Structure formats: structure tokens, C-alpha cells
N, C-alpha and C. Protein backbone atom coordinates (compact mmCIF):
# COMPACT_ATOMS: atom_id res chain seq x y z
N MET A 1 139.01 99.33 86.53
CA MET A 1 138.58 98.00 86.33
C MET A 1 139.21 97.49 85.18
N ALA A 2 139.77 96.30 85.49
CA ALA A 2 140.60 95.60 84.17
C ALA A 2 139.36 95.15 83.16
N VAL A 3 140.09 95.04 81.98
CA VAL A 3 139.09 94.44 80.91
C VAL A 3 139.20 93.05 80.96
N PRO A 4 137.91 92.33 81.14
CA PRO A 4 138.03 91.00 81.33
C PRO A 4 138.59 90.17 80.24
N ALA A 5 139.10 88.95 80.31
CA ALA A 5 139.81 88.18 79.11
C ALA A 5 138.82 88.05 77.99
N PRO A 6 137.69 87.58 78.15
CA PRO A 6 136.92 87.22 77.19
C PRO A 6 136.47 88.68 76.24
N ALA A 7 136.36 89.89 76.88
CA ALA A 7 136.19 91.00 76.26
C ALA A 7 137.54 91.28 75.53
N LYS A 8 138.58 90.98 75.91
CA LYS A 8 139.89 91.27 75.16
C LYS A 8 139.95 90.42 74.04
N VAL A 9 139.59 89.15 73.95
CA VAL A 9 139.54 88.19 72.88
C VAL A 9 138.55 88.71 71.75
N ALA A 10 137.28 89.21 72.34
CA ALA A 10 136.36 89.80 71.33
C ALA A 10 136.91 91.17 70.57
N ARG A 11 137.60 91.89 71.42
CA ARG A 11 138.22 92.97 70.81
C ARG A 11 139.34 92.90 69.84
N GLY A 12 139.89 91.63 70.18
CA GLY A 12 141.05 91.25 69.31
C GLY A 12 140.45 90.75 67.91
N LEU A 13 139.51 89.89 67.99
CA LEU A 13 138.94 89.30 66.74
C LEU A 13 138.27 90.50 65.76
N ALA A 14 137.69 91.73 66.74
CA ALA A 14 137.10 92.76 65.98
C ALA A 14 138.12 93.46 65.28
N ALA A 15 139.37 93.77 65.88
CA ALA A 15 140.38 94.39 65.44
C ALA A 15 141.00 93.85 64.04
N SER A 16 141.19 92.41 64.14
CA SER A 16 141.44 91.39 63.01
C SER A 16 140.67 91.59 61.87
N GLU A 17 139.10 91.68 62.30
CA GLU A 17 138.26 91.72 61.03
C GLU A 17 138.19 93.12 60.28
N ALA A 18 138.67 94.06 61.11
CA ALA A 18 138.59 95.40 60.62
C ALA A 18 140.09 95.44 59.25
N VAL A 19 141.01 94.69 59.98
CA VAL A 19 142.32 94.96 59.08
C VAL A 19 142.00 93.92 57.79
N LEU A 20 141.32 92.87 57.89
CA LEU A 20 141.28 91.84 57.04
C LEU A 20 140.13 92.73 56.01
N VAL A 21 139.18 93.12 56.33
CA VAL A 21 138.02 93.69 55.31
C VAL A 21 138.50 94.90 54.81
N LEU A 22 139.46 95.74 55.39
CA LEU A 22 140.10 96.79 54.54
C LEU A 22 141.14 96.15 53.67
N LEU A 23 141.93 95.29 53.96
CA LEU A 23 142.90 94.55 53.11
C LEU A 23 142.14 94.14 51.76
N TRP A 24 141.24 93.56 52.09
CA TRP A 24 140.17 92.92 51.09
C TRP A 24 139.89 94.08 49.90
N CYS A 25 138.89 94.86 50.43
CA CYS A 25 138.67 95.79 49.68
C CYS A 25 139.56 97.06 49.06
N VAL A 26 140.66 97.22 49.67
CA VAL A 26 141.64 98.11 49.23
C VAL A 26 142.74 97.51 48.65
N HIS A 27 143.30 96.45 48.94
CA HIS A 27 144.29 95.71 48.34
C HIS A 27 144.04 94.83 47.14
N PHE A 28 142.97 94.16 47.26
CA PHE A 28 142.41 93.18 46.36
C PHE A 28 141.34 93.82 45.30
N ARG A 29 140.50 94.63 45.94
CA ARG A 29 139.42 95.22 45.36
C ARG A 29 139.63 96.32 44.74
N GLY A 30 140.68 97.28 45.04
CA GLY A 30 141.04 98.52 44.34
C GLY A 30 140.82 99.68 45.16
N GLY A 31 140.05 99.80 46.42
CA GLY A 31 140.11 100.89 47.16
C GLY A 31 138.61 101.31 47.39
N LEU A 32 138.31 102.30 47.78
CA LEU A 32 136.77 102.66 48.48
C LEU A 32 136.55 104.10 47.75
N SER A 33 135.34 104.37 47.27
CA SER A 33 135.09 105.57 46.87
C SER A 33 133.36 105.75 46.79
N LEU A 34 132.75 106.63 47.03
CA LEU A 34 131.23 106.61 46.98
C LEU A 34 131.05 107.41 45.74
N GLY A 35 132.01 107.95 45.01
CA GLY A 35 131.66 108.74 43.81
C GLY A 35 132.46 108.48 42.87
N SER A 36 133.07 107.37 42.53
CA SER A 36 133.85 106.68 41.46
C SER A 36 133.12 106.76 40.03
N PRO A 37 133.22 107.62 39.13
CA PRO A 37 132.53 107.72 37.98
C PRO A 37 132.73 106.53 36.90
N THR A 38 133.82 105.83 37.02
CA THR A 38 134.34 104.73 36.02
C THR A 38 134.17 103.47 36.79
N ASN A 39 134.91 103.21 37.92
CA ASN A 39 135.18 101.87 38.51
C ASN A 39 133.96 101.81 39.52
N LYS A 40 132.67 101.41 39.42
CA LYS A 40 131.63 101.25 40.17
C LYS A 40 132.05 100.25 41.23
N GLY A 41 132.81 99.38 41.03
CA GLY A 41 133.32 98.56 42.39
C GLY A 41 133.71 99.20 43.58
N LEU A 42 134.47 100.44 43.36
CA LEU A 42 134.83 101.12 44.45
C LEU A 42 133.72 101.42 45.28
N ILE A 43 132.46 101.64 44.46
CA ILE A 43 131.41 102.24 45.39
C ILE A 43 131.01 101.14 46.32
N PHE A 44 130.85 99.87 45.44
CA PHE A 44 130.50 98.62 46.41
C PHE A 44 131.20 98.32 47.59
N ASN A 45 132.68 98.79 47.32
CA ASN A 45 133.55 98.24 48.64
C ASN A 45 133.24 99.11 49.79
N VAL A 46 132.59 100.13 49.69
CA VAL A 46 132.20 101.00 50.91
C VAL A 46 131.34 100.09 51.70
N HIS A 47 130.65 99.15 50.94
CA HIS A 47 129.47 98.53 51.66
C HIS A 47 129.61 97.47 52.71
N PRO A 48 130.79 96.74 52.25
CA PRO A 48 131.24 95.60 53.45
C PRO A 48 132.15 96.44 54.50
N VAL A 49 132.86 97.43 54.16
CA VAL A 49 133.80 97.93 54.93
C VAL A 49 132.81 98.67 56.38
N LEU A 50 131.64 99.45 55.69
CA LEU A 50 130.97 100.00 56.65
C LEU A 50 129.98 99.31 57.54
N MET A 51 129.66 98.36 56.82
CA MET A 51 128.73 97.22 57.40
C MET A 51 129.35 96.60 58.73
N LEU A 52 130.58 96.00 58.41
CA LEU A 52 131.46 95.24 59.11
C LEU A 52 131.81 96.07 60.44
N ILE A 53 132.38 97.17 60.19
CA ILE A 53 132.80 98.05 61.23
C ILE A 53 131.75 98.57 61.83
N GLY A 54 130.62 99.07 61.27
CA GLY A 54 129.48 99.66 61.95
C GLY A 54 128.64 98.61 62.86
N PHE A 55 127.98 97.87 62.12
CA PHE A 55 127.08 96.77 62.95
C PHE A 55 127.65 95.68 63.63
N ILE A 56 128.77 95.10 63.29
CA ILE A 56 129.58 93.97 63.84
C ILE A 56 130.53 94.58 64.86
N ILE A 57 131.41 95.35 64.39
CA ILE A 57 132.58 95.92 65.36
C ILE A 57 132.09 96.85 66.39
N VAL A 58 131.45 97.96 65.92
CA VAL A 58 131.03 98.89 66.73
C VAL A 58 129.62 98.49 67.56
N GLY A 59 128.90 97.53 67.01
CA GLY A 59 127.88 97.05 67.60
C GLY A 59 128.10 96.23 68.72
N SER A 60 129.32 95.45 68.55
CA SER A 60 129.68 94.27 69.44
C SER A 60 130.11 95.16 70.70
N GLU A 61 131.01 96.16 70.56
CA GLU A 61 131.46 97.32 71.74
C GLU A 61 130.43 97.74 72.46
N ALA A 62 129.31 98.03 71.88
CA ALA A 62 128.09 98.80 72.19
C ALA A 62 127.70 97.95 73.17
N ILE A 63 127.21 96.54 72.63
CA ILE A 63 126.76 95.46 73.51
C ILE A 63 127.45 95.01 74.75
N MET A 64 128.71 95.02 74.74
CA MET A 64 129.77 94.62 75.86
C MET A 64 130.02 95.83 76.82
N SER A 65 129.42 97.02 76.35
CA SER A 65 129.87 98.32 77.13
C SER A 65 129.36 98.12 78.48
N TYR A 66 128.39 97.66 78.79
CA TYR A 66 127.90 97.70 80.24
C TYR A 66 128.74 96.63 81.23
N LYS A 67 129.35 95.90 80.69
CA LYS A 67 130.20 95.01 81.25
C LYS A 67 131.69 95.36 81.16
N THR A 68 132.15 96.05 80.38
CA THR A 68 133.46 96.27 80.07
C THR A 68 133.95 97.61 80.56
N LEU A 69 132.98 98.69 80.90
CA LEU A 69 133.49 100.06 81.09
C LEU A 69 133.34 100.38 82.31
N PRO A 70 134.17 100.85 83.13
CA PRO A 70 134.23 101.25 84.65
C PRO A 70 133.55 102.17 85.17
N TRP A 71 132.88 102.85 84.11
CA TRP A 71 132.41 104.29 84.81
C TRP A 71 130.98 103.93 85.44
N SER A 72 130.50 105.09 85.64
CA SER A 72 129.10 104.78 86.44
C SER A 72 128.10 104.50 85.14
N HIS A 73 126.86 103.90 86.21
CA HIS A 73 125.77 103.52 85.28
C HIS A 73 125.13 104.31 83.98
N ASP A 74 125.09 105.77 84.60
CA ASP A 74 124.54 106.77 83.37
C ASP A 74 125.57 106.97 82.42
N THR A 75 126.70 106.96 82.79
CA THR A 75 128.04 107.34 81.71
C THR A 75 127.88 106.04 80.77
N ASN A 76 127.73 104.62 81.26
CA ASN A 76 127.87 103.67 80.55
C ASN A 76 126.63 103.53 79.58
N LYS A 77 125.71 103.88 80.14
CA LYS A 77 124.31 104.08 79.37
C LYS A 77 124.36 105.07 78.25
N MET A 78 125.16 106.02 78.52
CA MET A 78 125.31 107.14 77.33
C MET A 78 126.33 106.57 76.33
N VAL A 79 127.36 105.92 76.80
CA VAL A 79 128.39 105.61 75.70
C VAL A 79 127.61 104.33 75.00
N HIS A 80 126.71 103.36 75.68
CA HIS A 80 125.91 102.38 75.07
C HIS A 80 125.12 102.80 73.86
N MET A 81 124.23 103.82 74.18
CA MET A 81 123.54 104.53 73.27
C MET A 81 124.26 105.18 72.08
N LEU A 82 125.15 106.00 72.23
CA LEU A 82 125.98 106.64 71.39
C LEU A 82 126.73 105.63 70.29
N LEU A 83 127.35 104.38 70.86
CA LEU A 83 127.97 103.58 70.05
C LEU A 83 127.07 102.95 69.15
N HIS A 84 125.67 102.65 69.62
CA HIS A 84 124.67 102.11 68.87
C HIS A 84 124.31 103.20 67.76
N ALA A 85 124.53 104.39 68.17
CA ALA A 85 123.84 105.35 67.02
C ALA A 85 125.06 105.27 65.97
N VAL A 86 126.19 105.30 66.37
CA VAL A 86 127.49 105.33 65.38
C VAL A 86 127.18 104.06 64.36
N ALA A 87 127.02 102.96 65.02
CA ALA A 87 126.79 101.62 64.17
C ALA A 87 125.64 101.97 63.40
N LEU A 88 124.52 102.41 63.68
CA LEU A 88 123.49 102.73 62.91
C LEU A 88 123.66 103.76 61.83
N PHE A 89 124.41 104.68 62.05
CA PHE A 89 124.98 105.64 60.92
C PHE A 89 125.79 105.05 59.91
N LEU A 90 126.85 104.31 60.60
CA LEU A 90 127.68 103.51 59.42
C LEU A 90 126.88 102.62 58.59
N GLY A 91 126.23 101.90 59.05
CA GLY A 91 125.26 100.69 58.49
C GLY A 91 124.39 101.67 57.29
N SER A 92 123.81 102.66 57.88
CA SER A 92 122.93 103.44 56.96
C SER A 92 123.65 103.93 55.76
N VAL A 93 124.80 104.33 55.93
CA VAL A 93 125.84 104.68 54.67
C VAL A 93 126.31 103.48 54.00
N GLY A 94 126.50 102.34 54.56
CA GLY A 94 126.88 101.38 53.90
C GLY A 94 125.68 100.63 52.92
N ILE A 95 124.38 100.72 53.28
CA ILE A 95 123.24 100.40 52.81
C ILE A 95 122.85 101.30 51.65
N TYR A 96 123.35 102.57 51.87
CA TYR A 96 123.21 103.53 50.76
C TYR A 96 124.17 103.16 49.76
N ALA A 97 125.40 102.80 49.98
CA ALA A 97 126.60 102.52 49.03
C ALA A 97 126.19 101.33 48.12
N ALA A 98 125.41 100.32 48.92
CA ALA A 98 125.05 98.98 47.86
C ALA A 98 123.90 99.56 47.01
N PHE A 99 123.20 100.16 47.39
CA PHE A 99 121.89 100.67 46.45
C PHE A 99 122.41 101.67 45.40
N LYS A 100 123.29 102.41 45.67
CA LYS A 100 124.15 103.48 44.63
C LYS A 100 124.75 102.36 43.58
N PHE A 101 125.58 101.69 44.22
CA PHE A 101 126.35 100.55 43.29
C PHE A 101 125.28 99.75 42.35
N HIS A 102 124.08 99.32 42.93
CA HIS A 102 123.30 98.50 42.03
C HIS A 102 122.58 99.55 41.22
N ASN A 103 122.29 100.62 41.26
CA ASN A 103 121.53 101.56 40.50
C ASN A 103 122.40 102.05 39.56
N GLU A 104 123.79 102.49 39.63
CA GLU A 104 124.79 102.77 38.68
C GLU A 104 124.98 101.78 37.72
N SER A 105 125.10 100.58 38.26
CA SER A 105 125.49 99.46 37.47
C SER A 105 124.58 98.77 36.82
N GLY A 106 123.20 99.21 36.82
CA GLY A 106 121.86 98.49 36.27
C GLY A 106 121.88 97.14 36.91
N ILE A 107 121.97 97.03 38.27
CA ILE A 107 121.70 95.69 38.80
C ILE A 107 120.28 95.88 39.66
N ALA A 108 119.64 94.98 39.63
CA ALA A 108 118.46 94.98 40.30
C ALA A 108 118.64 94.97 41.80
N ASN A 109 117.63 95.73 42.73
CA ASN A 109 117.88 95.76 44.15
C ASN A 109 116.92 94.65 44.82
N LEU A 110 117.61 94.33 46.01
CA LEU A 110 116.71 93.24 46.73
C LEU A 110 116.31 92.22 46.06
N TYR A 111 116.97 91.56 45.59
CA TYR A 111 116.52 90.19 45.01
C TYR A 111 117.31 88.94 45.52
N SER A 112 118.12 89.27 46.64
CA SER A 112 118.84 88.05 47.39
C SER A 112 118.42 87.91 49.16
N LEU A 113 118.51 86.70 49.24
CA LEU A 113 118.25 86.68 50.86
C LEU A 113 119.28 87.56 51.56
N HIS A 114 120.49 87.97 51.13
CA HIS A 114 121.46 88.79 52.00
C HIS A 114 120.55 90.12 52.01
N SER A 115 120.24 90.62 51.02
CA SER A 115 119.57 91.86 50.77
C SER A 115 118.41 92.00 51.69
N TRP A 116 117.58 91.07 51.47
CA TRP A 116 116.18 90.99 52.78
C TRP A 116 116.59 90.96 54.06
N VAL A 117 117.57 89.95 54.38
CA VAL A 117 117.96 89.95 55.74
C VAL A 117 118.50 91.20 56.29
N GLY A 118 119.60 91.69 55.40
CA GLY A 118 120.28 93.04 55.66
C GLY A 118 119.45 94.16 55.88
N LEU A 119 118.50 94.62 54.81
CA LEU A 119 117.48 95.71 55.13
C LEU A 119 116.41 95.59 56.39
N GLY A 120 115.99 94.16 56.42
CA GLY A 120 115.20 93.90 57.75
C GLY A 120 115.97 94.20 58.96
N THR A 121 117.15 93.84 58.88
CA THR A 121 118.14 93.99 60.18
C THR A 121 118.23 95.53 60.55
N ILE A 122 118.67 96.30 59.48
CA ILE A 122 118.95 97.88 59.77
C ILE A 122 117.46 98.38 60.30
N CYS A 123 116.52 98.02 59.79
CA CYS A 123 115.26 98.47 60.17
C CYS A 123 115.01 98.14 61.49
N LEU A 124 115.23 97.04 61.89
CA LEU A 124 115.07 96.46 63.18
C LEU A 124 116.17 97.17 64.36
N TYR A 125 117.21 97.37 63.79
CA TYR A 125 118.30 97.75 64.66
C TYR A 125 117.89 99.50 64.90
N GLY A 126 117.35 100.18 63.83
CA GLY A 126 116.82 101.40 64.07
C GLY A 126 115.61 101.52 65.31
N ILE A 127 114.82 100.72 65.14
CA ILE A 127 113.54 100.53 65.89
C ILE A 127 113.76 100.17 67.29
N GLN A 128 114.85 99.25 67.42
CA GLN A 128 115.50 98.92 68.74
C GLN A 128 116.27 100.05 69.41
N TRP A 129 116.78 100.87 68.72
CA TRP A 129 117.62 102.12 69.18
C TRP A 129 116.53 103.03 69.48
N LEU A 130 115.71 103.47 68.80
CA LEU A 130 114.64 104.40 69.20
C LEU A 130 113.84 103.99 70.46
N LEU A 131 113.59 102.64 70.53
CA LEU A 131 112.75 102.55 71.71
C LEU A 131 113.67 102.55 72.83
N GLY A 132 115.05 102.15 72.69
CA GLY A 132 115.83 102.01 73.92
C GLY A 132 116.20 103.53 74.37
N VAL A 133 116.25 104.44 73.54
CA VAL A 133 116.53 105.84 73.72
C VAL A 133 115.23 106.38 74.49
N THR A 134 114.15 105.99 73.85
CA THR A 134 112.75 106.84 74.74
C THR A 134 112.49 106.22 75.80
N THR A 135 112.83 104.79 76.01
CA THR A 135 112.46 104.27 77.37
C THR A 135 113.60 104.30 78.35
N PHE A 136 115.00 104.30 78.26
CA PHE A 136 116.05 104.39 79.21
C PHE A 136 116.63 105.57 79.15
N PHE A 137 116.34 106.66 78.29
CA PHE A 137 117.20 107.69 78.19
C PHE A 137 116.44 109.08 78.18
N PHE A 138 115.70 109.22 76.99
CA PHE A 138 114.96 110.68 76.89
C PHE A 138 113.56 110.28 75.92
N PRO A 139 112.51 110.62 76.35
CA PRO A 139 112.33 111.42 77.85
C PRO A 139 112.27 110.23 78.98
N GLY A 140 112.37 108.84 78.60
CA GLY A 140 112.57 107.81 79.56
C GLY A 140 111.21 107.52 80.34
N ALA A 141 110.79 106.26 80.58
CA ALA A 141 109.61 105.56 81.01
C ALA A 141 109.92 105.76 82.58
N SER A 142 108.85 105.61 83.15
CA SER A 142 108.66 105.14 84.64
C SER A 142 109.77 104.14 85.04
N PRO A 143 110.11 103.96 86.18
CA PRO A 143 110.95 102.90 86.72
C PRO A 143 110.34 101.55 86.58
N THR A 144 109.11 101.49 86.81
CA THR A 144 108.16 100.17 86.65
C THR A 144 108.34 99.84 85.37
N VAL A 145 108.22 100.50 84.28
CA VAL A 145 108.23 100.25 82.79
C VAL A 145 109.45 99.77 82.38
N ARG A 146 110.52 100.63 82.99
CA ARG A 146 111.87 100.35 82.62
C ARG A 146 112.32 98.79 83.17
N ARG A 147 112.05 98.55 84.28
CA ARG A 147 112.10 97.10 84.79
C ARG A 147 111.66 96.14 83.84
N ARG A 148 110.17 96.35 83.55
CA ARG A 148 109.46 95.44 82.73
C ARG A 148 110.21 95.44 81.37
N MET A 149 110.58 96.61 80.77
CA MET A 149 111.20 96.42 79.38
C MET A 149 112.52 95.92 79.16
N LEU A 150 113.22 96.01 80.21
CA LEU A 150 114.75 95.75 80.23
C LEU A 150 115.11 94.28 79.67
N PRO A 151 114.18 93.32 80.26
CA PRO A 151 114.52 91.75 79.70
C PRO A 151 114.52 91.83 78.06
N TRP A 152 113.24 92.58 77.63
CA TRP A 152 113.00 92.40 76.28
C TRP A 152 113.81 93.06 75.51
N HIS A 153 114.42 94.45 75.90
CA HIS A 153 115.37 95.11 75.59
C HIS A 153 116.39 94.34 75.07
N VAL A 154 117.11 93.68 76.39
CA VAL A 154 118.21 92.94 75.97
C VAL A 154 118.11 91.75 75.09
N ARG A 155 116.95 91.09 75.24
CA ARG A 155 116.89 89.84 74.26
C ARG A 155 116.66 90.23 72.78
N SER A 156 115.87 91.29 72.77
CA SER A 156 115.62 91.74 71.17
C SER A 156 116.85 92.47 70.53
N GLY A 157 117.60 92.97 71.42
CA GLY A 157 119.02 93.35 70.95
C GLY A 157 119.87 92.30 70.53
N LEU A 158 120.07 91.34 71.44
CA LEU A 158 121.00 90.20 70.91
C LEU A 158 120.23 89.48 69.60
N VAL A 159 118.96 89.55 69.43
CA VAL A 159 118.26 88.89 68.30
C VAL A 159 118.78 89.73 67.06
N VAL A 160 118.80 90.92 67.24
CA VAL A 160 119.21 91.89 66.22
C VAL A 160 120.61 91.83 65.78
N TYR A 161 121.32 91.62 66.97
CA TYR A 161 122.81 91.30 66.72
C TYR A 161 122.94 90.19 66.04
N VAL A 162 122.48 89.20 66.12
CA VAL A 162 122.66 87.88 65.63
C VAL A 162 122.10 87.96 64.15
N LEU A 163 121.10 88.69 63.69
CA LEU A 163 120.81 88.78 62.39
C LEU A 163 121.67 89.85 61.63
N ALA A 164 122.34 90.61 62.36
CA ALA A 164 123.45 91.37 61.58
C ALA A 164 124.70 90.53 61.25
N LEU A 165 124.80 89.58 62.18
CA LEU A 165 125.99 88.37 62.02
C LEU A 165 125.51 87.61 60.55
N LEU A 166 124.28 87.11 60.83
CA LEU A 166 123.80 86.37 59.57
C LEU A 166 123.85 87.20 58.47
N ALA A 167 123.56 88.43 58.12
CA ALA A 167 123.50 89.04 57.06
C ALA A 167 124.90 89.52 56.68
N ALA A 168 125.88 89.66 57.41
CA ALA A 168 127.33 89.61 57.17
C ALA A 168 127.67 88.29 56.37
N GLU A 169 127.28 87.22 57.15
CA GLU A 169 127.97 85.84 56.41
C GLU A 169 127.23 85.73 55.10
N LEU A 170 125.93 86.01 55.06
CA LEU A 170 125.40 85.82 53.78
C LEU A 170 125.97 86.82 52.76
N GLY A 171 126.29 88.01 53.12
CA GLY A 171 126.96 88.92 52.24
C GLY A 171 128.23 88.54 51.69
N PHE A 172 129.12 87.94 52.61
CA PHE A 172 130.34 87.46 52.24
C PHE A 172 130.41 86.17 51.10
N LEU A 173 129.35 85.17 51.71
CA LEU A 173 129.19 84.17 50.79
C LEU A 173 128.71 84.40 49.35
N GLU A 174 127.73 85.56 49.29
CA GLU A 174 127.12 86.04 47.82
C GLU A 174 128.31 86.68 46.94
N LYS A 175 128.94 87.53 47.76
CA LYS A 175 130.14 88.23 46.87
C LYS A 175 131.11 87.26 46.50
N LEU A 176 131.71 86.41 47.36
CA LEU A 176 132.54 85.35 46.80
C LEU A 176 131.90 84.63 45.79
N THR A 177 130.87 84.23 45.77
CA THR A 177 130.02 83.30 44.73
C THR A 177 130.18 83.98 43.53
N PHE A 178 129.88 85.31 43.52
CA PHE A 178 130.03 86.09 42.34
C PHE A 178 131.21 86.12 41.81
N LEU A 179 132.38 86.66 42.50
CA LEU A 179 133.61 86.76 42.09
C LEU A 179 134.24 85.23 41.58
N GLN A 180 133.90 84.15 42.39
CA GLN A 180 134.24 82.90 41.84
C GLN A 180 133.58 82.37 40.37
N ALA A 181 132.44 83.04 40.19
CA ALA A 181 131.82 82.65 39.09
C ALA A 181 132.43 83.54 37.89
N GLY A 182 132.96 84.57 38.33
CA GLY A 182 133.63 85.63 37.35
C GLY A 182 135.11 85.14 36.96
N GLY A 183 135.52 83.98 37.79
CA GLY A 183 137.03 83.65 37.60
C GLY A 183 137.84 83.42 38.76
N LEU A 184 137.56 83.94 39.86
CA LEU A 184 138.47 83.97 40.99
C LEU A 184 138.63 82.49 41.23
N GLY A 185 139.76 82.09 41.62
CA GLY A 185 140.27 80.96 42.00
C GLY A 185 139.68 80.66 43.38
N ARG A 186 139.10 79.35 43.50
CA ARG A 186 138.52 79.22 44.94
C ARG A 186 139.46 78.72 45.96
N TYR A 187 140.92 78.60 45.82
CA TYR A 187 141.71 78.67 46.70
C TYR A 187 142.77 79.84 46.44
N SER A 188 142.19 80.89 45.87
CA SER A 188 143.05 81.92 45.82
C SER A 188 143.25 82.62 47.09
N SER A 189 144.52 83.51 47.33
CA SER A 189 144.36 84.34 48.51
C SER A 189 143.38 85.00 48.61
N GLU A 190 142.54 85.80 47.56
CA GLU A 190 141.50 86.53 48.04
C GLU A 190 140.26 85.78 48.58
N ALA A 191 140.12 84.58 48.06
CA ALA A 191 139.07 83.68 48.24
C ALA A 191 139.09 83.24 49.70
N LEU A 192 140.43 82.92 50.13
CA LEU A 192 140.80 82.49 51.43
C LEU A 192 140.63 83.63 52.30
N LEU A 193 141.06 84.67 52.01
CA LEU A 193 140.94 85.95 53.01
C LEU A 193 139.64 86.33 53.37
N VAL A 194 138.56 86.08 52.28
CA VAL A 194 137.22 86.56 52.50
C VAL A 194 136.59 85.29 53.39
N ASN A 195 136.77 84.16 53.27
CA ASN A 195 136.49 83.18 54.02
C ASN A 195 136.92 83.11 55.37
N PHE A 196 138.03 83.73 55.62
CA PHE A 196 138.83 83.63 57.12
C PHE A 196 138.28 84.89 57.91
N THR A 197 137.71 86.02 57.01
CA THR A 197 137.31 86.93 57.57
C THR A 197 135.69 86.82 57.90
N ALA A 198 135.13 86.00 57.20
CA ALA A 198 133.53 85.67 57.65
C ALA A 198 133.74 84.66 58.71
N LEU A 199 134.59 83.69 59.00
CA LEU A 199 134.92 82.89 60.10
C LEU A 199 134.94 83.52 61.36
N LEU A 200 136.06 84.73 61.18
CA LEU A 200 136.28 85.59 62.37
C LEU A 200 134.91 86.27 62.86
N ILE A 201 134.00 86.49 61.90
CA ILE A 201 132.74 87.23 62.37
C ILE A 201 131.84 86.26 63.24
N VAL A 202 131.91 84.72 62.89
CA VAL A 202 131.20 83.91 63.79
C VAL A 202 131.78 83.72 65.22
N LEU A 203 133.13 83.84 64.92
CA LEU A 203 133.74 83.63 66.48
C LEU A 203 133.64 85.00 67.26
N LEU A 204 133.56 86.17 66.44
CA LEU A 204 133.41 87.47 67.52
C LEU A 204 131.98 87.51 67.80
N GLY A 205 130.79 87.05 66.93
CA GLY A 205 129.80 87.03 67.53
C GLY A 205 129.39 86.02 68.59
N ALA A 206 130.19 84.83 68.57
CA ALA A 206 129.86 83.88 69.76
C ALA A 206 130.53 84.37 70.85
N SER A 207 131.58 85.01 71.05
CA SER A 207 132.45 85.41 71.81
C SER A 207 131.60 86.62 72.70
N VAL A 208 130.98 87.47 71.82
CA VAL A 208 130.21 88.41 72.40
C VAL A 208 128.94 87.94 73.16
N VAL A 209 128.17 87.16 72.50
CA VAL A 209 126.88 86.65 73.12
C VAL A 209 127.26 85.87 74.25
N LEU A 210 128.32 85.01 74.38
CA LEU A 210 128.53 84.36 75.64
C LEU A 210 129.15 85.21 76.44
N TYR A 211 129.57 86.27 76.30
CA TYR A 211 130.26 87.01 77.47
C TYR A 211 129.16 87.91 78.06
N VAL A 212 128.15 88.47 77.27
CA VAL A 212 127.27 89.35 77.86
C VAL A 212 126.12 88.46 78.49
N THR A 213 126.05 87.22 78.18
CA THR A 213 124.74 86.52 78.66
C THR A 213 125.40 85.71 79.96
N ALA A 214 126.84 85.67 80.10
CA ALA A 214 127.36 84.96 81.32
C ALA A 214 126.92 85.67 82.63
N PRO A 215 126.81 84.82 83.58
CA PRO A 215 126.41 85.47 84.84
C PRO A 215 127.53 86.34 85.60
N MET A 216 127.30 87.45 86.06
CA MET A 216 128.15 88.21 86.54
C MET A 216 128.59 88.05 88.06
N HIS A 217 129.99 88.01 88.34
CA HIS A 217 130.30 87.73 89.88
C HIS A 217 129.88 88.84 90.74
N ASN A 218 129.36 89.91 90.39
CA ASN A 218 128.71 90.97 91.22
C ASN A 218 127.81 91.78 90.52
N GLU A 219 126.58 91.46 90.67
CA GLU A 219 125.37 91.97 90.27
C GLU A 219 125.31 93.51 90.39
N ASN A 220 126.06 94.00 91.21
CA ASN A 220 125.95 95.49 91.56
C ASN A 220 126.85 96.25 90.60
N THR A 221 127.69 95.66 89.77
CA THR A 221 128.72 96.25 88.88
C THR A 221 127.90 96.60 87.57
N HIS A 222 128.71 96.98 86.53
CA HIS A 222 128.21 97.76 85.56
C HIS A 222 127.51 96.85 84.43
N GLY A 223 126.91 95.76 84.69
CA GLY A 223 126.28 94.84 83.87
C GLY A 223 124.96 95.30 83.44
N TYR A 224 124.33 94.41 82.63
CA TYR A 224 122.93 94.79 82.09
C TYR A 224 121.79 94.90 83.34
N SER A 225 122.19 94.19 84.53
CA SER A 225 121.36 94.22 85.61
C SER A 225 121.38 95.75 86.44
N ALA A 226 122.44 96.42 86.00
CA ALA A 226 122.35 97.97 86.67
C ALA A 226 121.29 98.57 86.12
N VAL A 227 120.72 98.24 84.83
CA VAL A 227 119.67 99.10 84.41
C VAL A 227 118.62 98.85 84.92
N HIS A 228 118.35 97.78 85.83
CA HIS A 228 117.25 97.73 86.82
C HIS A 228 116.88 98.95 87.65
N LYS A 229 118.12 99.52 88.01
CA LYS A 229 117.76 100.62 88.91
C LYS A 229 117.24 101.79 88.32
N PRO A 230 116.24 102.29 89.03
CA PRO A 230 115.53 103.46 88.55
C PRO A 230 116.52 104.80 88.41
């Protein structure tokens, strides 16, 4: 099965975002490290990289998997679950990096809207994943319960995804505001790169949501509707 054009666009945006966030954190911010004894900024750099790659990029692929993958329903369901597990793991390490940076730099935790939305999102992401696994995978609910739960699972998953997009936007805005207050030029290459990366996140999120909510030409293919089957 050929990958639909909207999914190709989303994947192109996702790849561009991965390149840009790595360019920002490695080229402009000096690199990545969870254990730098002197340059604590390297610890922080792990945070945006893993949050973006985990929740936004891998999470987007997990959401689209039922429509993009050509395999059987059970295989697609397994991939969907595993991709979300990878996203959750990367996001958890990213959250850890943010707390580690704050603690070792003497900065207060959880004082900003970004941190509130971000921490709430990862908690909801974990709850959503656990409910999905126990309802649709193992031990698995009855077919009747799964049919009733499916619309709520899909809707709540998209809500959590949108919250992840919001947290990412708030994070880029907060960090860029701090950098500009510290002397970074408003129209510098780094500032433009950060803003452009944040813009691509909006475009990726919009493309994913529009793609997965669009009616399918064949309801018996591998879309979300396939999960209705016991």
C-alpha cells in the first residue's frame, strides 16, 4: 500500500523538525549531555530534543500508523502501541533532563505555564497508553467494551497530542524569551531557527490531525475503524 500524500507531508515536516532541533541544540547551544559537570546547558539541551522527537515526531507516527501501515490490524495495533511506548520513554527522559538541569543550576521547578502543561501532558499520555494497552491489547476488554471505548480512546488521544503540541510551543517560546533577555538578537540566525522549528510543529500537528480525522475511502482498511472489530 502506497503511503498517502498527506502522510508523506507529515513525515517530511517531522524529519525537518528533527534536523532543526538537533542543529539548534548541537550547533548553537553546544551539544547534548546528561552528565556535564561544568556546562549545565548541555543537560537542558537533551530536553527539547527528546521531547520533540518523542512526543511530537514518534507520537505523530503512532497516531498515523493505523492509516499508513499496510499490515494486518493486529500488527498495526502492536506497532501503534510500541511507538507510543517509545514516545513515552523518550518524553520521560526529556522531563528528567529538565528537572536535572533546574536542580543542578539552582533554578526553581514547575513555575511556568510550559512546565505545568508539559508535566500534565506526560501524565495524561501515560494514562492514555495504559488504558489503551489494558483495553485493546492485554488483558483486553470484551468486544462490546472495546467498541464503546474506541471513540473515547481516539478523541482523548488527539486531545493529549494537541496538548503535547501546545507544551512544545510554550517551551520554545519560553526558552527563546530567556535567550533574548540574555542578549540573543531578535532577528539572529538562532532566533529565526527556533521560531521556524516551532512553526513547523504547528504545521505537523495540523497535518496529522486533519489526516487521521479525514474519512477513509475504504472503511475496511487499516484505519481507526478497524479497531471496532473484535
